[in-house]
Protein backbone atom coordinates (compact mmCIF):
# COMPACT_ATOMS: atom_id res chain seq x y z
CA UNK A 1 0.00 0.00 0.00
CA UNK A 2 1.13 3.54 -0.61
CA UNK A 3 0.51 4.86 2.87
CA UNK A 4 2.14 3.43 5.97
CA UNK A 5 -0.34 3.69 8.84
CA UNK A 6 1.51 1.37 11.21
CA UNK A 7 2.47 4.13 13.66
CA UNK A 8 -1.15 5.26 14.00
CA UNK A 9 -2.68 1.79 14.46
CA UNK A 10 -1.88 1.43 18.20
CA UNK A 11 -3.77 4.68 18.81
CA UNK A 12 -7.06 3.15 17.68
CA UNK A 13 -9.12 2.73 20.83
CA UNK A 14 -12.65 2.17 19.55
CA UNK A 15 -14.24 -1.23 18.90
CA UNK A 16 -12.84 -2.33 15.55
CA UNK A 17 -14.00 -4.96 13.10
CA UNK A 18 -11.43 -6.14 10.59
CA UNK A 19 -13.07 -7.92 7.67
CA UNK A 20 -10.72 -9.98 5.54
CA UNK A 21 -11.49 -11.71 2.28
CA UNK A 22 -10.29 -15.31 2.28
CA UNK A 23 -8.80 -14.89 -1.21
CA UNK A 24 -7.66 -11.28 -0.89
CA UNK A 25 -4.30 -10.85 -2.62
CA UNK A 26 -3.92 -7.17 -1.60
CA UNK A 27 -4.49 -7.33 2.18
CA UNK A 28 -3.66 -10.93 2.96
CA UNK A 29 -5.08 -12.55 6.07
CA UNK A 30 -1.69 -13.46 7.51
CA UNK A 31 -0.41 -9.89 7.25
CA UNK A 32 -3.56 -8.54 8.91
CA UNK A 33 -3.26 -11.14 11.68
CA UNK A 34 0.39 -10.27 12.18
CA UNK A 35 0.58 -6.50 11.68
CA UNK A 36 -2.86 -5.04 12.27
CA UNK A 37 -5.07 -7.03 14.62
CA UNK A 38 -2.55 -7.48 17.46
CA UNK A 39 -1.87 -3.74 17.48
CA UNK A 40 -5.49 -2.69 17.95
CA UNK A 41 -6.49 -3.63 21.48
CA UNK A 42 -10.19 -3.66 20.61
CA UNK A 43 -9.92 -5.46 17.26
CA UNK A 44 -11.96 -8.45 16.22
CA UNK A 45 -11.27 -10.11 12.89
CA UNK A 46 -13.72 -11.97 10.71
CA UNK A 47 -12.76 -13.82 7.54
CA UNK A 48 -15.20 -13.66 4.67
CA UNK A 49 -15.01 -17.01 2.88
CA UNK A 50 -14.68 -17.35 -0.88
CA UNK A 51 -14.15 -13.64 -1.54
CA UNK A 52 -11.28 -11.36 -2.42
CA UNK A 53 -10.28 -7.74 -1.89
CA UNK A 54 -13.56 -6.35 -3.19
CA UNK A 55 -15.75 -8.29 -0.79
CA UNK A 56 -18.22 -5.39 -0.31
CA UNK A 57 -18.97 -5.69 -4.03
CA UNK A 58 -18.71 -9.48 -4.18
CA UNK A 59 -20.83 -10.36 -1.13
CA UNK A 60 -22.50 -7.16 0.14
CA UNK A 61 -25.17 -9.02 2.12
CA UNK A 62 -22.54 -10.99 4.00
CA UNK A 63 -20.52 -7.85 4.74
CA UNK A 64 -23.65 -6.10 6.01
CA UNK A 65 -24.48 -9.10 8.18
CA UNK A 66 -20.99 -9.10 9.74
CA UNK A 67 -21.23 -5.38 10.47
CA UNK A 68 -24.72 -5.70 11.98
CA UNK A 69 -23.56 -8.55 14.23
CA UNK A 70 -20.53 -6.52 15.31
CA UNK A 71 -22.65 -3.45 16.13
CA UNK A 72 -25.05 -5.53 18.23
CA UNK A 73 -22.26 -6.54 20.60
PDB file of N, CA and C in Angstrom:
ATOM      1  N   UNK A   1       0.838  -1.170   0.000  1.00  0.00           N
ATOM      2  CA  UNK A   1       0.000   0.000   0.000  1.00  0.00           C
ATOM      3  C   UNK A   1       0.887   1.239   0.000  1.00  0.00           C
ATOM      4  N   UNK A   2       0.359   2.312  -0.482  1.00  0.00           N
ATOM      5  CA  UNK A   2       1.134   3.536  -0.613  1.00  0.00           C
ATOM      6  C   UNK A   2       1.345   4.261   0.700  1.00  0.00           C
ATOM      7  N   UNK A   3       0.416   4.128   1.612  1.00  0.00           N
ATOM      8  CA  UNK A   3       0.506   4.858   2.869  1.00  0.00           C
ATOM      9  C   UNK A   3       0.784   3.905   4.021  1.00  0.00           C
ATOM     10  N   UNK A   4       1.794   4.239   4.807  1.00  0.00           N
ATOM     11  CA  UNK A   4       2.139   3.432   5.973  1.00  0.00           C
ATOM     12  C   UNK A   4       1.404   3.989   7.189  1.00  0.00           C
ATOM     13  N   UNK A   5       0.437   3.240   7.689  1.00  0.00           N
ATOM     14  CA  UNK A   5      -0.344   3.689   8.844  1.00  0.00           C
ATOM     15  C   UNK A   5       0.068   2.980  10.130  1.00  0.00           C
ATOM     16  N   UNK A   6       1.137   2.217  10.075  1.00  0.00           N
ATOM     17  CA  UNK A   6       1.510   1.372  11.211  1.00  0.00           C
ATOM     18  C   UNK A   6       1.738   2.157  12.499  1.00  0.00           C
ATOM     19  N   UNK A   7       2.237   3.374  12.427  1.00  0.00           N
ATOM     20  CA  UNK A   7       2.471   4.134  13.658  1.00  0.00           C
ATOM     21  C   UNK A   7       1.170   4.634  14.279  1.00  0.00           C
ATOM     22  N   UNK A   8       0.132   4.775  13.488  1.00  0.00           N
ATOM     23  CA  UNK A   8      -1.154   5.257  14.005  1.00  0.00           C
ATOM     24  C   UNK A   8      -2.033   4.131  14.542  1.00  0.00           C
ATOM     25  N   UNK A   9      -1.808   2.920  14.096  1.00  0.00           N
ATOM     26  CA  UNK A   9      -2.677   1.792  14.456  1.00  0.00           C
ATOM     27  C   UNK A   9      -2.801   1.590  15.968  1.00  0.00           C
ATOM     28  N   UNK A  10      -1.725   1.640  16.746  1.00  0.00           N
ATOM     29  CA  UNK A  10      -1.878   1.426  18.196  1.00  0.00           C
ATOM     30  C   UNK A  10      -2.722   2.490  18.889  1.00  0.00           C
ATOM     31  N   UNK A  11      -2.956   3.615  18.226  1.00  0.00           N
ATOM     32  CA  UNK A  11      -3.767   4.682  18.811  1.00  0.00           C
ATOM     33  C   UNK A  11      -5.264   4.452  18.636  1.00  0.00           C
ATOM     34  N   UNK A  12      -5.646   3.441  17.883  1.00  0.00           N
ATOM     35  CA  UNK A  12      -7.063   3.146  17.677  1.00  0.00           C
ATOM     36  C   UNK A  12      -7.614   2.539  18.965  1.00  0.00           C
ATOM     37  N   UNK A  13      -8.611   3.198  19.531  1.00  0.00           N
ATOM     38  CA  UNK A  13      -9.124   2.734  20.827  1.00  0.00           C
ATOM     39  C   UNK A  13     -10.628   2.479  20.819  1.00  0.00           C
ATOM     40  N   UNK A  14     -11.212   2.452  19.658  1.00  0.00           N
ATOM     41  CA  UNK A  14     -12.648   2.169  19.549  1.00  0.00           C
ATOM     42  C   UNK A  14     -12.835   0.725  19.106  1.00  0.00           C
ATOM     43  N   UNK A  15     -13.990   0.129  19.390  1.00  0.00           N
ATOM     44  CA  UNK A  15     -14.238  -1.232  18.903  1.00  0.00           C
ATOM     45  C   UNK A  15     -14.026  -1.284  17.389  1.00  0.00           C
ATOM     46  N   UNK A  16     -13.270  -2.272  16.952  1.00  0.00           N
ATOM     47  CA  UNK A  16     -12.842  -2.333  15.552  1.00  0.00           C
ATOM     48  C   UNK A  16     -13.104  -3.715  14.981  1.00  0.00           C
ATOM     49  N   UNK A  17     -13.763  -3.725  13.830  1.00  0.00           N
ATOM     50  CA  UNK A  17     -14.001  -4.964  13.104  1.00  0.00           C
ATOM     51  C   UNK A  17     -13.114  -4.964  11.868  1.00  0.00           C
ATOM     52  N   UNK A  18     -12.279  -5.968  11.761  1.00  0.00           N
ATOM     53  CA  UNK A  18     -11.431  -6.138  10.588  1.00  0.00           C
ATOM     54  C   UNK A  18     -12.040  -7.262   9.763  1.00  0.00           C
ATOM     55  N   UNK A  19     -12.510  -6.924   8.568  1.00  0.00           N
ATOM     56  CA  UNK A  19     -13.072  -7.919   7.670  1.00  0.00           C
ATOM     57  C   UNK A  19     -12.024  -8.262   6.631  1.00  0.00           C
ATOM     58  N   UNK A  20     -11.747  -9.534   6.475  1.00  0.00           N
ATOM     59  CA  UNK A  20     -10.719  -9.983   5.538  1.00  0.00           C
ATOM     60  C   UNK A  20     -11.307 -10.989   4.563  1.00  0.00           C
ATOM     61  N   UNK A  21     -11.060 -10.750   3.292  1.00  0.00           N
ATOM     62  CA  UNK A  21     -11.491 -11.706   2.278  1.00  0.00           C
ATOM     63  C   UNK A  21     -10.546 -12.900   2.245  1.00  0.00           C
ATOM     64  N   UNK A  22     -11.092 -14.073   2.263  1.00  0.00           N
ATOM     65  CA  UNK A  22     -10.290 -15.309   2.276  1.00  0.00           C
ATOM     66  C   UNK A  22      -9.286 -15.351   1.123  1.00  0.00           C
ATOM     67  N   UNK A  23      -9.665 -14.839  -0.030  1.00  0.00           N
ATOM     68  CA  UNK A  23      -8.800 -14.894  -1.206  1.00  0.00           C
ATOM     69  C   UNK A  23      -8.208 -13.542  -1.576  1.00  0.00           C
ATOM     70  N   UNK A  24      -8.184 -12.615  -0.634  1.00  0.00           N
ATOM     71  CA  UNK A  24      -7.656 -11.276  -0.889  1.00  0.00           C
ATOM     72  C   UNK A  24      -6.151 -11.347  -1.134  1.00  0.00           C
ATOM     73  N   UNK A  25      -5.726 -10.850  -2.282  1.00  0.00           N
ATOM     74  CA  UNK A  25      -4.302 -10.849  -2.616  1.00  0.00           C
ATOM     75  C   UNK A  25      -3.651  -9.495  -2.329  1.00  0.00           C
ATOM     76  N   UNK A  26      -4.446  -8.495  -1.916  1.00  0.00           N
ATOM     77  CA  UNK A  26      -3.921  -7.166  -1.598  1.00  0.00           C
ATOM     78  C   UNK A  26      -3.630  -7.065  -0.103  1.00  0.00           C
ATOM     79  N   UNK A  27      -4.630  -7.330   0.711  1.00  0.00           N
ATOM     80  CA  UNK A  27      -4.494  -7.329   2.178  1.00  0.00           C
ATOM     81  C   UNK A  27      -4.673  -8.765   2.644  1.00  0.00           C
ATOM     82  N   UNK A  28      -3.589  -9.504   2.639  1.00  0.00           N
ATOM     83  CA  UNK A  28      -3.659 -10.934   2.961  1.00  0.00           C
ATOM     84  C   UNK A  28      -3.939 -11.159   4.444  1.00  0.00           C
ATOM     85  N   UNK A  29      -4.670 -12.222   4.710  1.00  0.00           N
ATOM     86  CA  UNK A  29      -5.077 -12.554   6.074  1.00  0.00           C
ATOM     87  C   UNK A  29      -3.885 -12.633   7.015  1.00  0.00           C
ATOM     88  N   UNK A  30      -2.833 -13.304   6.602  1.00  0.00           N
ATOM     89  CA  UNK A  30      -1.690 -13.462   7.510  1.00  0.00           C
ATOM     90  C   UNK A  30      -1.041 -12.123   7.850  1.00  0.00           C
ATOM     91  N   UNK A  31      -1.000 -11.190   6.923  1.00  0.00           N
ATOM     92  CA  UNK A  31      -0.407  -9.888   7.245  1.00  0.00           C
ATOM     93  C   UNK A  31      -1.325  -9.088   8.175  1.00  0.00           C
ATOM     94  N   UNK A  32      -2.633  -9.211   7.997  1.00  0.00           N
ATOM     95  CA  UNK A  32      -3.561  -8.543   8.910  1.00  0.00           C
ATOM     96  C   UNK A  32      -3.459  -9.139  10.307  1.00  0.00           C
ATOM     97  N   UNK A  33      -3.371 -10.460  10.384  1.00  0.00           N
ATOM     98  CA  UNK A  33      -3.255 -11.136  11.682  1.00  0.00           C
ATOM     99  C   UNK A  33      -1.940 -10.800  12.377  1.00  0.00           C
ATOM    100  N   UNK A  34      -0.921 -10.544  11.615  1.00  0.00           N
ATOM    101  CA  UNK A  34       0.394 -10.269  12.177  1.00  0.00           C
ATOM    102  C   UNK A  34       0.604  -8.783  12.479  1.00  0.00           C
ATOM    103  N   UNK A  35       0.211  -7.904  11.567  1.00  0.00           N
ATOM    104  CA  UNK A  35       0.583  -6.499  11.684  1.00  0.00           C
ATOM    105  C   UNK A  35      -0.532  -5.567  12.134  1.00  0.00           C
ATOM    106  N   UNK A  36      -1.770  -5.962  11.943  1.00  0.00           N
ATOM    107  CA  UNK A  36      -2.856  -5.038  12.265  1.00  0.00           C
ATOM    108  C   UNK A  36      -3.605  -5.441  13.534  1.00  0.00           C
ATOM    109  N   UNK A  37      -4.193  -6.602  13.522  1.00  0.00           N
ATOM    110  CA  UNK A  37      -5.072  -7.027  14.617  1.00  0.00           C
ATOM    111  C   UNK A  37      -4.379  -7.004  15.988  1.00  0.00           C
ATOM    112  N   UNK A  38      -3.168  -7.501  16.128  1.00  0.00           N
ATOM    113  CA  UNK A  38      -2.552  -7.477  17.462  1.00  0.00           C
ATOM    114  C   UNK A  38      -2.247  -6.067  17.980  1.00  0.00           C
ATOM    115  N   UNK A  39      -2.214  -5.107  17.093  1.00  0.00           N
ATOM    116  CA  UNK A  39      -1.870  -3.737  17.484  1.00  0.00           C
ATOM    117  C   UNK A  39      -3.078  -2.851  17.742  1.00  0.00           C
ATOM    118  N   UNK A  40      -4.266  -3.410  17.602  1.00  0.00           N
ATOM    119  CA  UNK A  40      -5.494  -2.695  17.955  1.00  0.00           C
ATOM    120  C   UNK A  40      -6.130  -3.473  19.094  1.00  0.00           C
ATOM    121  N   UNK A  41      -6.040  -2.924  20.276  1.00  0.00           N
ATOM    122  CA  UNK A  41      -6.490  -3.631  21.484  1.00  0.00           C
ATOM    123  C   UNK A  41      -7.936  -4.116  21.377  1.00  0.00           C
ATOM    124  N   UNK A  42      -8.765  -3.358  20.681  1.00  0.00           N
ATOM    125  CA  UNK A  42     -10.190  -3.662  20.612  1.00  0.00           C
ATOM    126  C   UNK A  42     -10.582  -4.422  19.343  1.00  0.00           C
ATOM    127  N   UNK A  43      -9.618  -4.868  18.568  1.00  0.00           N
ATOM    128  CA  UNK A  43      -9.922  -5.461  17.259  1.00  0.00           C
ATOM    129  C   UNK A  43     -10.477  -6.874  17.352  1.00  0.00           C
ATOM    130  N   UNK A  44     -11.420  -7.118  16.450  1.00  0.00           N
ATOM    131  CA  UNK A  44     -11.961  -8.453  16.225  1.00  0.00           C
ATOM    132  C   UNK A  44     -11.895  -8.675  14.723  1.00  0.00           C
ATOM    133  N   UNK A  45     -11.419  -9.835  14.314  1.00  0.00           N
ATOM    134  CA  UNK A  45     -11.268 -10.108  12.889  1.00  0.00           C
ATOM    135  C   UNK A  45     -12.235 -11.199  12.452  1.00  0.00           C
ATOM    136  N   UNK A  46     -12.822 -10.991  11.296  1.00  0.00           N
ATOM    137  CA  UNK A  46     -13.719 -11.974  10.710  1.00  0.00           C
ATOM    138  C   UNK A  46     -13.278 -12.213   9.266  1.00  0.00           C
ATOM    139  N   UNK A  47     -13.191 -13.467   8.902  1.00  0.00           N
ATOM    140  CA  UNK A  47     -12.761 -13.822   7.544  1.00  0.00           C
ATOM    141  C   UNK A  47     -13.994 -14.135   6.709  1.00  0.00           C
ATOM    142  N   UNK A  48     -14.089 -13.469   5.588  1.00  0.00           N
ATOM    143  CA  UNK A  48     -15.203 -13.660   4.666  1.00  0.00           C
ATOM    144  C   UNK A  48     -14.774 -14.717   3.655  1.00  0.00           C
ATOM    145  N   UNK A  49     -15.375 -15.872   3.731  1.00  0.00           N
ATOM    146  CA  UNK A  49     -15.012 -17.014   2.882  1.00  0.00           C
ATOM    147  C   UNK A  49     -15.328 -16.757   1.410  1.00  0.00           C
ATOM    148  N   UNK A  50     -14.497 -17.325   0.568  1.00  0.00           N
ATOM    149  CA  UNK A  50     -14.684 -17.346  -0.885  1.00  0.00           C
ATOM    150  C   UNK A  50     -14.865 -15.957  -1.490  1.00  0.00           C
ATOM    151  N   UNK A  51     -14.111 -14.986  -0.978  1.00  0.00           N
ATOM    152  CA  UNK A  51     -14.146 -13.637  -1.538  1.00  0.00           C
ATOM    153  C   UNK A  51     -12.748 -13.038  -1.517  1.00  0.00           C
ATOM    154  N   UNK A  52     -12.582 -11.997  -2.304  1.00  0.00           N
ATOM    155  CA  UNK A  52     -11.278 -11.362  -2.420  1.00  0.00           C
ATOM    156  C   UNK A  52     -11.265  -9.970  -1.815  1.00  0.00           C
ATOM    157  N   UNK A  53     -10.472  -9.084  -2.417  1.00  0.00           N
ATOM    158  CA  UNK A  53     -10.277  -7.740  -1.893  1.00  0.00           C
ATOM    159  C   UNK A  53     -11.526  -6.871  -2.016  1.00  0.00           C
ATOM    160  N   UNK A  54     -12.363  -7.156  -2.972  1.00  0.00           N
ATOM    161  CA  UNK A  54     -13.560  -6.349  -3.188  1.00  0.00           C
ATOM    162  C   UNK A  54     -14.797  -7.004  -2.584  1.00  0.00           C
ATOM    163  N   UNK A  55     -14.645  -7.564  -1.416  1.00  0.00           N
ATOM    164  CA  UNK A  55     -15.745  -8.288  -0.787  1.00  0.00           C
ATOM    165  C   UNK A  55     -17.022  -7.452  -0.628  1.00  0.00           C
ATOM    166  N   UNK A  56     -16.963  -6.140  -0.388  1.00  0.00           N
ATOM    167  CA  UNK A  56     -18.217  -5.388  -0.314  1.00  0.00           C
ATOM    168  C   UNK A  56     -18.999  -5.414  -1.631  1.00  0.00           C
ATOM    169  N   UNK A  57     -18.294  -5.576  -2.740  1.00  0.00           N
ATOM    170  CA  UNK A  57     -18.972  -5.688  -4.033  1.00  0.00           C
ATOM    171  C   UNK A  57     -19.331  -7.136  -4.350  1.00  0.00           C
ATOM    172  N   UNK A  58     -18.513  -8.063  -3.879  1.00  0.00           N
ATOM    173  CA  UNK A  58     -18.713  -9.480  -4.177  1.00  0.00           C
ATOM    174  C   UNK A  58     -19.834 -10.095  -3.339  1.00  0.00           C
ATOM    175  N   UNK A  59     -19.843  -9.784  -2.058  1.00  0.00           N
ATOM    176  CA  UNK A  59     -20.827 -10.364  -1.131  1.00  0.00           C
ATOM    177  C   UNK A  59     -21.374  -9.287  -0.179  1.00  0.00           C
ATOM    178  N   UNK A  60     -22.052  -8.282  -0.718  1.00  0.00           N
ATOM    179  CA  UNK A  60     -22.498  -7.163   0.135  1.00  0.00           C
ATOM    180  C   UNK A  60     -23.420  -7.591   1.269  1.00  0.00           C
ATOM    181  N   UNK A  61     -24.267  -8.568   1.049  1.00  0.00           N
ATOM    182  CA  UNK A  61     -25.165  -9.018   2.119  1.00  0.00           C
ATOM    183  C   UNK A  61     -24.395  -9.630   3.273  1.00  0.00           C
ATOM    184  N   UNK A  62     -23.357 -10.369   2.958  1.00  0.00           N
ATOM    185  CA  UNK A  62     -22.542 -10.995   4.002  1.00  0.00           C
ATOM    186  C   UNK A  62     -21.757  -9.935   4.781  1.00  0.00           C
ATOM    187  N   UNK A  63     -21.235  -8.941   4.067  1.00  0.00           N
ATOM    188  CA  UNK A  63     -20.522  -7.849   4.735  1.00  0.00           C
ATOM    189  C   UNK A  63     -21.477  -7.114   5.676  1.00  0.00           C
ATOM    190  N   UNK A  64     -22.660  -6.790   5.186  1.00  0.00           N
ATOM    191  CA  UNK A  64     -23.648  -6.097   6.011  1.00  0.00           C
ATOM    192  C   UNK A  64     -24.018  -6.925   7.238  1.00  0.00           C
ATOM    193  N   UNK A  65     -24.150  -8.214   7.064  1.00  0.00           N
ATOM    194  CA  UNK A  65     -24.479  -9.100   8.178  1.00  0.00           C
ATOM    195  C   UNK A  65     -23.373  -9.088   9.236  1.00  0.00           C
ATOM    196  N   UNK A  66     -22.133  -9.140   8.802  1.00  0.00           N
ATOM    197  CA  UNK A  66     -20.991  -9.095   9.742  1.00  0.00           C
ATOM    198  C   UNK A  66     -20.983  -7.775  10.512  1.00  0.00           C
ATOM    199  N   UNK A  67     -21.238  -6.689   9.823  1.00  0.00           N
ATOM    200  CA  UNK A  67     -21.233  -5.379  10.473  1.00  0.00           C
ATOM    201  C   UNK A  67     -22.391  -5.268  11.457  1.00  0.00           C
ATOM    202  N   UNK A  68     -23.575  -5.728  11.059  1.00  0.00           N
ATOM    203  CA  UNK A  68     -24.724  -5.700  11.980  1.00  0.00           C
ATOM    204  C   UNK A  68     -24.435  -6.511  13.241  1.00  0.00           C
ATOM    205  N   UNK A  69     -23.876  -7.698  13.075  1.00  0.00           N
ATOM    206  CA  UNK A  69     -23.555  -8.549  14.232  1.00  0.00           C
ATOM    207  C   UNK A  69     -22.533  -7.861  15.138  1.00  0.00           C
ATOM    208  N   UNK A  70     -21.552  -7.224  14.546  1.00  0.00           N
ATOM    209  CA  UNK A  70     -20.534  -6.521  15.312  1.00  0.00           C
ATOM    210  C   UNK A  70     -21.147  -5.357  16.100  1.00  0.00           C
ATOM    211  N   UNK A  71     -22.031  -4.612  15.470  1.00  0.00           N
ATOM    212  CA  UNK A  71     -22.647  -3.454  16.130  1.00  0.00           C
ATOM    213  C   UNK A  71     -23.597  -3.866  17.255  1.00  0.00           C
ATOM    214  N   UNK A  72     -24.162  -5.057  17.168  1.00  0.00           N
ATOM    215  CA  UNK A  72     -25.055  -5.534  18.226  1.00  0.00           C
ATOM    216  C   UNK A  72     -24.298  -5.870  19.508  1.00  0.00           C
ATOM    217  N   UNK A  73     -23.040  -6.135  19.416  1.00  0.00           N
ATOM    218  CA  UNK A  73     -22.259  -6.543  20.599  1.00  0.00           C
ATOM    219  C   UNK A  73     -22.029  -5.412  21.550  1.00  0.00           C
TER     220      UNK A  73
END
